Amino acid sequence: MITPFHIVAATPIKLLFPKQFSLLWFSIVNVLIDIEVVYYFLTTGYPSHKFFHSILGVSIIGFGCFFLSVLFKQKKLPSFLGCIIGAYSHRLFLVQLGVVRNVLKNRWYCLCITLIIFLISYIIHDTIFL
């Protein structure tokens, strides 16, 4: 349930390569992957990272979203890079989660970070989601 951290980590890529990278598809992939965590949190009380956080799971979501982007007639290269980088960076970040997990236990810290992220997105939204 730390999708905002994934999205913020991708904003420099979008700023450096605005026409070659889709932050929109990157974000969609990360949100879809984290729906699994929300499901387990609501059903068990613990935010588990299971199938859709495995290599196979992120691959299914990443390539599935790319297929959807092609159906919606999005530009292929930016969509592909957004989907694939989104999927595999989510998995890579999960490997690093052990280090971050202790910091994320503080709910107020997470709330503040999320608010800062949304404020930054609001300020630069015209250039970020094109």
N, C-alpha and C. Protein backbone atom coordinates (compact mmCIF):
# COMPACT_ATOMS: atom_id res chain seq x y z
N MET A 1 0.82 -1.19 0.00
CA MET A 1 0.00 0.00 0.00
C MET A 1 0.86 1.25 0.00
N ILE A 2 1.97 1.19 -0.70
CA ILE A 2 2.84 2.36 -0.76
C ILE A 2 3.01 2.82 -2.20
N THR A 3 1.94 2.70 -2.96
CA THR A 3 1.96 3.11 -4.36
C THR A 3 2.49 4.51 -4.56
N PRO A 4 2.15 5.50 -3.72
CA PRO A 4 2.70 6.85 -3.95
C PRO A 4 4.22 6.89 -4.00
N PHE A 5 4.89 6.05 -3.24
CA PHE A 5 6.35 6.03 -3.28
C PHE A 5 6.85 5.56 -4.64
N HIS A 6 6.17 4.58 -5.22
CA HIS A 6 6.55 4.10 -6.55
C HIS A 6 6.38 5.21 -7.58
N ILE A 7 5.25 5.89 -7.50
CA ILE A 7 4.93 6.91 -8.50
C ILE A 7 5.90 8.09 -8.41
N VAL A 8 6.21 8.51 -7.19
CA VAL A 8 7.15 9.62 -7.02
C VAL A 8 8.53 9.23 -7.55
N ALA A 9 8.91 7.99 -7.37
CA ALA A 9 10.21 7.55 -7.87
C ALA A 9 10.29 7.59 -9.39
N ALA A 10 9.14 7.54 -10.06
CA ALA A 10 9.13 7.55 -11.52
C ALA A 10 9.03 8.94 -12.12
N THR A 11 8.71 9.95 -11.33
CA THR A 11 8.55 11.29 -11.90
C THR A 11 9.84 11.83 -12.54
N PRO A 12 11.02 11.55 -12.00
CA PRO A 12 12.23 12.02 -12.71
C PRO A 12 12.38 11.39 -14.09
N ILE A 13 11.94 10.13 -14.24
CA ILE A 13 12.02 9.48 -15.55
C ILE A 13 11.11 10.24 -16.53
N LYS A 14 9.91 10.60 -16.07
CA LYS A 14 8.98 11.32 -16.93
C LYS A 14 9.51 12.70 -17.29
N LEU A 15 10.14 13.35 -16.33
CA LEU A 15 10.68 14.68 -16.59
C LEU A 15 11.88 14.63 -17.54
N LEU A 16 12.68 13.57 -17.46
CA LEU A 16 13.85 13.43 -18.34
C LEU A 16 13.47 12.93 -19.74
N PHE A 17 12.46 12.06 -19.80
CA PHE A 17 12.03 11.47 -21.08
C PHE A 17 10.53 11.66 -21.26
N PRO A 18 10.07 12.89 -21.46
CA PRO A 18 8.62 13.15 -21.46
C PRO A 18 7.85 12.45 -22.57
N LYS A 19 8.45 12.24 -23.72
CA LYS A 19 7.72 11.62 -24.83
C LYS A 19 7.93 10.11 -24.91
N GLN A 20 8.92 9.59 -24.20
CA GLN A 20 9.24 8.17 -24.28
C GLN A 20 8.73 7.35 -23.11
N PHE A 21 8.09 7.98 -22.12
CA PHE A 21 7.68 7.27 -20.90
C PHE A 21 6.29 7.74 -20.48
N SER A 22 5.39 6.80 -20.24
CA SER A 22 4.04 7.13 -19.81
C SER A 22 3.91 6.94 -18.30
N LEU A 23 3.85 8.04 -17.58
CA LEU A 23 3.64 7.97 -16.13
C LEU A 23 2.22 7.50 -15.82
N LEU A 24 1.30 7.77 -16.72
CA LEU A 24 -0.08 7.31 -16.53
C LEU A 24 -0.13 5.78 -16.46
N TRP A 25 0.48 5.10 -17.43
CA TRP A 25 0.46 3.63 -17.42
C TRP A 25 1.33 3.07 -16.31
N PHE A 26 2.41 3.74 -15.99
CA PHE A 26 3.23 3.36 -14.84
C PHE A 26 2.37 3.35 -13.58
N SER A 27 1.59 4.41 -13.41
CA SER A 27 0.73 4.55 -12.22
C SER A 27 -0.37 3.50 -12.20
N ILE A 28 -1.00 3.26 -13.35
CA ILE A 28 -2.07 2.26 -13.42
C ILE A 28 -1.55 0.89 -13.02
N VAL A 29 -0.39 0.52 -13.53
CA VAL A 29 0.21 -0.78 -13.19
C VAL A 29 0.45 -0.88 -11.69
N ASN A 30 1.02 0.16 -11.09
CA ASN A 30 1.32 0.11 -9.66
C ASN A 30 0.07 0.06 -8.80
N VAL A 31 -0.96 0.78 -9.19
CA VAL A 31 -2.22 0.73 -8.44
C VAL A 31 -2.83 -0.66 -8.54
N LEU A 32 -2.85 -1.24 -9.73
CA LEU A 32 -3.41 -2.59 -9.90
C LEU A 32 -2.64 -3.63 -9.08
N ILE A 33 -1.33 -3.51 -9.05
CA ILE A 33 -0.55 -4.45 -8.24
C ILE A 33 -0.89 -4.30 -6.76
N ASP A 34 -1.07 -3.09 -6.30
CA ASP A 34 -1.34 -2.88 -4.87
C ASP A 34 -2.78 -3.13 -4.47
N ILE A 35 -3.67 -3.37 -5.43
CA ILE A 35 -5.04 -3.77 -5.06
C ILE A 35 -5.01 -5.08 -4.28
N GLU A 36 -4.07 -5.95 -4.61
CA GLU A 36 -3.92 -7.21 -3.88
C GLU A 36 -3.64 -6.96 -2.40
N VAL A 37 -2.79 -5.99 -2.12
CA VAL A 37 -2.45 -5.67 -0.73
C VAL A 37 -3.68 -5.13 0.00
N VAL A 38 -4.44 -4.29 -0.65
CA VAL A 38 -5.67 -3.75 -0.04
C VAL A 38 -6.64 -4.89 0.25
N TYR A 39 -6.79 -5.81 -0.69
CA TYR A 39 -7.67 -6.97 -0.50
C TYR A 39 -7.27 -7.75 0.76
N TYR A 40 -5.99 -8.09 0.86
CA TYR A 40 -5.54 -8.87 2.02
C TYR A 40 -5.66 -8.07 3.31
N PHE A 41 -5.44 -6.78 3.23
CA PHE A 41 -5.58 -5.94 4.43
C PHE A 41 -7.04 -5.94 4.91
N LEU A 42 -7.98 -5.83 3.98
CA LEU A 42 -9.40 -5.81 4.35
C LEU A 42 -9.90 -7.16 4.82
N THR A 43 -9.35 -8.25 4.29
CA THR A 43 -9.84 -9.58 4.66
C THR A 43 -9.10 -10.20 5.84
N THR A 44 -7.82 -9.88 6.01
CA THR A 44 -7.06 -10.52 7.09
C THR A 44 -6.54 -9.54 8.14
N GLY A 45 -6.55 -8.27 7.80
CA GLY A 45 -6.02 -7.28 8.73
C GLY A 45 -4.52 -7.05 8.57
N TYR A 46 -3.90 -7.80 7.66
CA TYR A 46 -2.47 -7.64 7.42
C TYR A 46 -2.24 -7.41 5.93
N PRO A 47 -1.48 -6.37 5.57
CA PRO A 47 -1.26 -6.08 4.15
C PRO A 47 -0.23 -7.03 3.51
N SER A 48 -0.69 -8.20 3.08
CA SER A 48 0.19 -9.22 2.49
C SER A 48 0.52 -8.93 1.03
N HIS A 49 1.74 -9.24 0.67
CA HIS A 49 2.21 -9.15 -0.71
C HIS A 49 2.36 -10.58 -1.20
N LYS A 50 1.43 -11.03 -2.01
CA LYS A 50 1.47 -12.44 -2.43
C LYS A 50 1.68 -12.56 -3.94
N PHE A 51 0.73 -13.20 -4.65
CA PHE A 51 0.95 -13.56 -6.05
C PHE A 51 1.27 -12.37 -6.95
N PHE A 52 0.50 -11.30 -6.89
CA PHE A 52 0.71 -10.20 -7.83
C PHE A 52 1.93 -9.35 -7.48
N HIS A 53 2.66 -9.73 -6.46
CA HIS A 53 3.93 -9.09 -6.15
C HIS A 53 5.11 -10.02 -6.49
N SER A 54 4.79 -11.16 -7.09
CA SER A 54 5.85 -12.06 -7.56
C SER A 54 6.26 -11.65 -8.98
N ILE A 55 7.33 -12.24 -9.49
CA ILE A 55 7.77 -11.94 -10.86
C ILE A 55 6.66 -12.29 -11.85
N LEU A 56 6.03 -13.43 -11.68
CA LEU A 56 4.95 -13.83 -12.59
C LEU A 56 3.76 -12.87 -12.48
N GLY A 57 3.40 -12.50 -11.26
CA GLY A 57 2.27 -11.60 -11.05
C GLY A 57 2.47 -10.22 -11.66
N VAL A 58 3.64 -9.62 -11.42
CA VAL A 58 3.89 -8.29 -11.99
C VAL A 58 4.01 -8.38 -13.51
N SER A 59 4.50 -9.51 -14.02
CA SER A 59 4.58 -9.68 -15.48
C SER A 59 3.18 -9.72 -16.09
N ILE A 60 2.28 -10.45 -15.47
CA ILE A 60 0.90 -10.53 -15.97
C ILE A 60 0.26 -9.14 -15.99
N ILE A 61 0.40 -8.40 -14.90
CA ILE A 61 -0.21 -7.07 -14.84
C ILE A 61 0.48 -6.11 -15.82
N GLY A 62 1.80 -6.13 -15.87
CA GLY A 62 2.53 -5.23 -16.76
C GLY A 62 2.19 -5.44 -18.22
N PHE A 63 2.25 -6.70 -18.68
CA PHE A 63 1.95 -6.97 -20.08
C PHE A 63 0.45 -6.85 -20.37
N GLY A 64 -0.38 -7.17 -19.37
CA GLY A 64 -1.83 -6.99 -19.53
C GLY A 64 -2.18 -5.52 -19.72
N CYS A 65 -1.56 -4.66 -18.94
CA CYS A 65 -1.81 -3.22 -19.09
C CYS A 65 -1.27 -2.71 -20.42
N PHE A 66 -0.15 -3.23 -20.86
CA PHE A 66 0.36 -2.81 -22.17
C PHE A 66 -0.63 -3.21 -23.27
N PHE A 67 -1.19 -4.41 -23.17
CA PHE A 67 -2.19 -4.86 -24.13
C PHE A 67 -3.39 -3.91 -24.11
N LEU A 68 -3.84 -3.51 -22.92
CA LEU A 68 -4.95 -2.55 -22.82
C LEU A 68 -4.58 -1.21 -23.45
N SER A 69 -3.36 -0.77 -23.23
CA SER A 69 -2.94 0.51 -23.80
C SER A 69 -2.96 0.47 -25.33
N VAL A 70 -2.62 -0.68 -25.90
CA VAL A 70 -2.68 -0.84 -27.36
C VAL A 70 -4.13 -0.81 -27.82
N LEU A 71 -5.02 -1.47 -27.06
CA LEU A 71 -6.44 -1.43 -27.41
C LEU A 71 -7.01 -0.02 -27.35
N PHE A 72 -6.52 0.78 -26.40
CA PHE A 72 -6.97 2.17 -26.28
C PHE A 72 -6.23 3.11 -27.22
N LYS A 73 -5.41 2.52 -28.11
CA LYS A 73 -4.68 3.27 -29.14
C LYS A 73 -3.73 4.32 -28.55
N GLN A 74 -3.06 3.95 -27.47
CA GLN A 74 -2.04 4.80 -26.88
C GLN A 74 -0.74 4.61 -27.66
N LYS A 75 0.17 5.55 -27.52
CA LYS A 75 1.48 5.40 -28.17
C LYS A 75 2.18 4.18 -27.58
N LYS A 76 2.72 3.34 -28.45
CA LYS A 76 3.23 2.04 -28.01
C LYS A 76 4.48 2.12 -27.15
N LEU A 77 5.49 2.86 -27.57
CA LEU A 77 6.74 2.90 -26.80
C LEU A 77 6.55 3.49 -25.40
N PRO A 78 5.92 4.68 -25.26
CA PRO A 78 5.73 5.21 -23.92
C PRO A 78 4.88 4.31 -23.03
N SER A 79 3.85 3.72 -23.61
CA SER A 79 2.99 2.82 -22.83
C SER A 79 3.76 1.57 -22.40
N PHE A 80 4.51 1.00 -23.34
CA PHE A 80 5.29 -0.20 -23.02
C PHE A 80 6.29 0.08 -21.90
N LEU A 81 7.04 1.18 -22.03
CA LEU A 81 8.03 1.50 -20.99
C LEU A 81 7.35 1.80 -19.67
N GLY A 82 6.24 2.52 -19.69
CA GLY A 82 5.52 2.81 -18.45
C GLY A 82 5.03 1.55 -17.77
N CYS A 83 4.43 0.64 -18.56
CA CYS A 83 3.90 -0.61 -17.99
C CYS A 83 5.00 -1.52 -17.46
N ILE A 84 6.04 -1.71 -18.26
CA ILE A 84 7.08 -2.67 -17.88
C ILE A 84 7.96 -2.12 -16.75
N ILE A 85 8.35 -0.87 -16.86
CA ILE A 85 9.14 -0.28 -15.76
C ILE A 85 8.30 -0.23 -14.50
N GLY A 86 7.01 0.07 -14.64
CA GLY A 86 6.11 0.10 -13.49
C GLY A 86 6.02 -1.24 -12.80
N ALA A 87 5.87 -2.29 -13.59
CA ALA A 87 5.71 -3.63 -13.02
C ALA A 87 6.98 -4.11 -12.33
N TYR A 88 8.10 -4.05 -13.05
CA TYR A 88 9.32 -4.62 -12.49
C TYR A 88 9.97 -3.74 -11.42
N SER A 89 9.75 -2.43 -11.49
CA SER A 89 10.26 -1.59 -10.41
C SER A 89 9.45 -1.83 -9.14
N HIS A 90 8.17 -2.16 -9.29
CA HIS A 90 7.36 -2.48 -8.11
C HIS A 90 7.92 -3.72 -7.42
N ARG A 91 8.28 -4.70 -8.20
CA ARG A 91 8.86 -5.92 -7.65
C ARG A 91 10.22 -5.63 -7.00
N LEU A 92 11.03 -4.83 -7.68
CA LEU A 92 12.33 -4.47 -7.13
C LEU A 92 12.18 -3.70 -5.82
N PHE A 93 11.21 -2.79 -5.78
CA PHE A 93 10.98 -2.02 -4.56
C PHE A 93 10.50 -2.93 -3.44
N LEU A 94 9.74 -3.97 -3.78
CA LEU A 94 9.27 -4.91 -2.77
C LEU A 94 10.45 -5.64 -2.12
N VAL A 95 11.47 -5.95 -2.92
CA VAL A 95 12.66 -6.61 -2.38
C VAL A 95 13.32 -5.69 -1.35
N GLN A 96 13.30 -4.39 -1.61
CA GLN A 96 13.89 -3.42 -0.69
C GLN A 96 12.96 -3.06 0.46
N LEU A 97 11.73 -3.60 0.46
CA LEU A 97 10.72 -3.22 1.44
C LEU A 97 11.13 -3.53 2.87
N GLY A 98 11.93 -4.53 3.07
CA GLY A 98 12.35 -4.87 4.42
C GLY A 98 13.02 -3.70 5.12
N VAL A 99 13.78 -2.91 4.37
CA VAL A 99 14.45 -1.75 4.94
C VAL A 99 13.45 -0.64 5.22
N VAL A 100 12.47 -0.48 4.34
CA VAL A 100 11.52 0.62 4.44
C VAL A 100 10.39 0.32 5.41
N ARG A 101 10.10 -0.94 5.66
CA ARG A 101 8.92 -1.32 6.43
C ARG A 101 8.87 -0.66 7.81
N ASN A 102 9.99 -0.56 8.50
CA ASN A 102 9.99 0.04 9.82
C ASN A 102 9.61 1.52 9.77
N VAL A 103 10.03 2.21 8.74
CA VAL A 103 9.67 3.62 8.59
C VAL A 103 8.18 3.77 8.34
N LEU A 104 7.60 2.85 7.57
CA LEU A 104 6.21 2.96 7.17
C LEU A 104 5.23 2.61 8.28
N LYS A 105 5.70 2.08 9.39
CA LYS A 105 4.79 1.75 10.49
C LYS A 105 4.16 3.00 11.08
N ASN A 106 4.82 4.12 10.96
CA ASN A 106 4.27 5.37 11.48
C ASN A 106 3.25 5.90 10.48
N ARG A 107 1.97 5.79 10.81
CA ARG A 107 0.88 6.18 9.90
C ARG A 107 0.91 7.67 9.58
N TRP A 108 1.29 8.51 10.54
CA TRP A 108 1.33 9.95 10.29
C TRP A 108 2.40 10.29 9.27
N TYR A 109 3.51 9.59 9.33
CA TYR A 109 4.58 9.80 8.35
C TYR A 109 4.05 9.48 6.95
N CYS A 110 3.36 8.34 6.81
CA CYS A 110 2.80 7.95 5.51
C CYS A 110 1.78 8.98 5.02
N LEU A 111 0.94 9.47 5.92
CA LEU A 111 -0.06 10.46 5.53
C LEU A 111 0.61 11.74 5.03
N CYS A 112 1.63 12.20 5.74
CA CYS A 112 2.34 13.42 5.33
C CYS A 112 3.02 13.24 3.98
N ILE A 113 3.67 12.11 3.78
CA ILE A 113 4.33 11.84 2.50
C ILE A 113 3.30 11.82 1.37
N THR A 114 2.15 11.17 1.62
CA THR A 114 1.11 11.10 0.59
C THR A 114 0.58 12.48 0.26
N LEU A 115 0.36 13.31 1.25
CA LEU A 115 -0.13 14.67 1.00
C LEU A 115 0.89 15.49 0.21
N ILE A 116 2.16 15.34 0.54
CA ILE A 116 3.20 16.05 -0.20
C ILE A 116 3.24 15.59 -1.65
N ILE A 117 3.09 14.30 -1.86
CA ILE A 117 3.10 13.75 -3.22
C ILE A 117 1.94 14.32 -4.03
N PHE A 118 0.75 14.34 -3.43
CA PHE A 118 -0.41 14.86 -4.16
C PHE A 118 -0.27 16.36 -4.42
N LEU A 119 0.33 17.09 -3.50
CA LEU A 119 0.55 18.52 -3.72
C LEU A 119 1.50 18.74 -4.89
N ILE A 120 2.59 17.99 -4.92
CA ILE A 120 3.54 18.10 -6.03
C ILE A 120 2.87 17.73 -7.35
N SER A 121 2.06 16.65 -7.33
CA SER A 121 1.37 16.25 -8.55
C SER A 121 0.40 17.33 -9.02
N TYR A 122 -0.27 17.97 -8.08
CA TYR A 122 -1.23 19.02 -8.44
C TYR A 122 -0.50 20.19 -9.09
N ILE A 123 0.66 20.53 -8.56
CA ILE A 123 1.41 21.67 -9.08
C ILE A 123 1.92 21.40 -10.49
N ILE A 124 2.39 20.17 -10.75
CA ILE A 124 3.00 19.90 -12.06
C ILE A 124 2.18 18.95 -12.91
N HIS A 125 0.90 18.79 -12.63
CA HIS A 125 0.10 17.80 -13.34
C HIS A 125 -0.01 18.03 -14.84
N ASP A 126 0.07 19.27 -15.29
CA ASP A 126 -0.06 19.51 -16.72
C ASP A 126 1.09 18.89 -17.52
N THR A 127 2.27 18.82 -16.93
CA THR A 127 3.39 18.26 -17.68
C THR A 127 3.59 16.79 -17.37
N ILE A 128 3.09 16.30 -16.26
CA ILE A 128 3.43 14.96 -15.84
C ILE A 128 2.60 13.87 -16.50
N PHE A 129 1.31 14.07 -16.68
CA PHE A 129 0.48 12.99 -17.18
C PHE A 129 0.14 13.11 -18.66
N LEU A 130 0.96 13.80 -19.43
CA LEU A 130 0.71 13.91 -20.87
C LEU A 130 1.18 12.67 -21.59
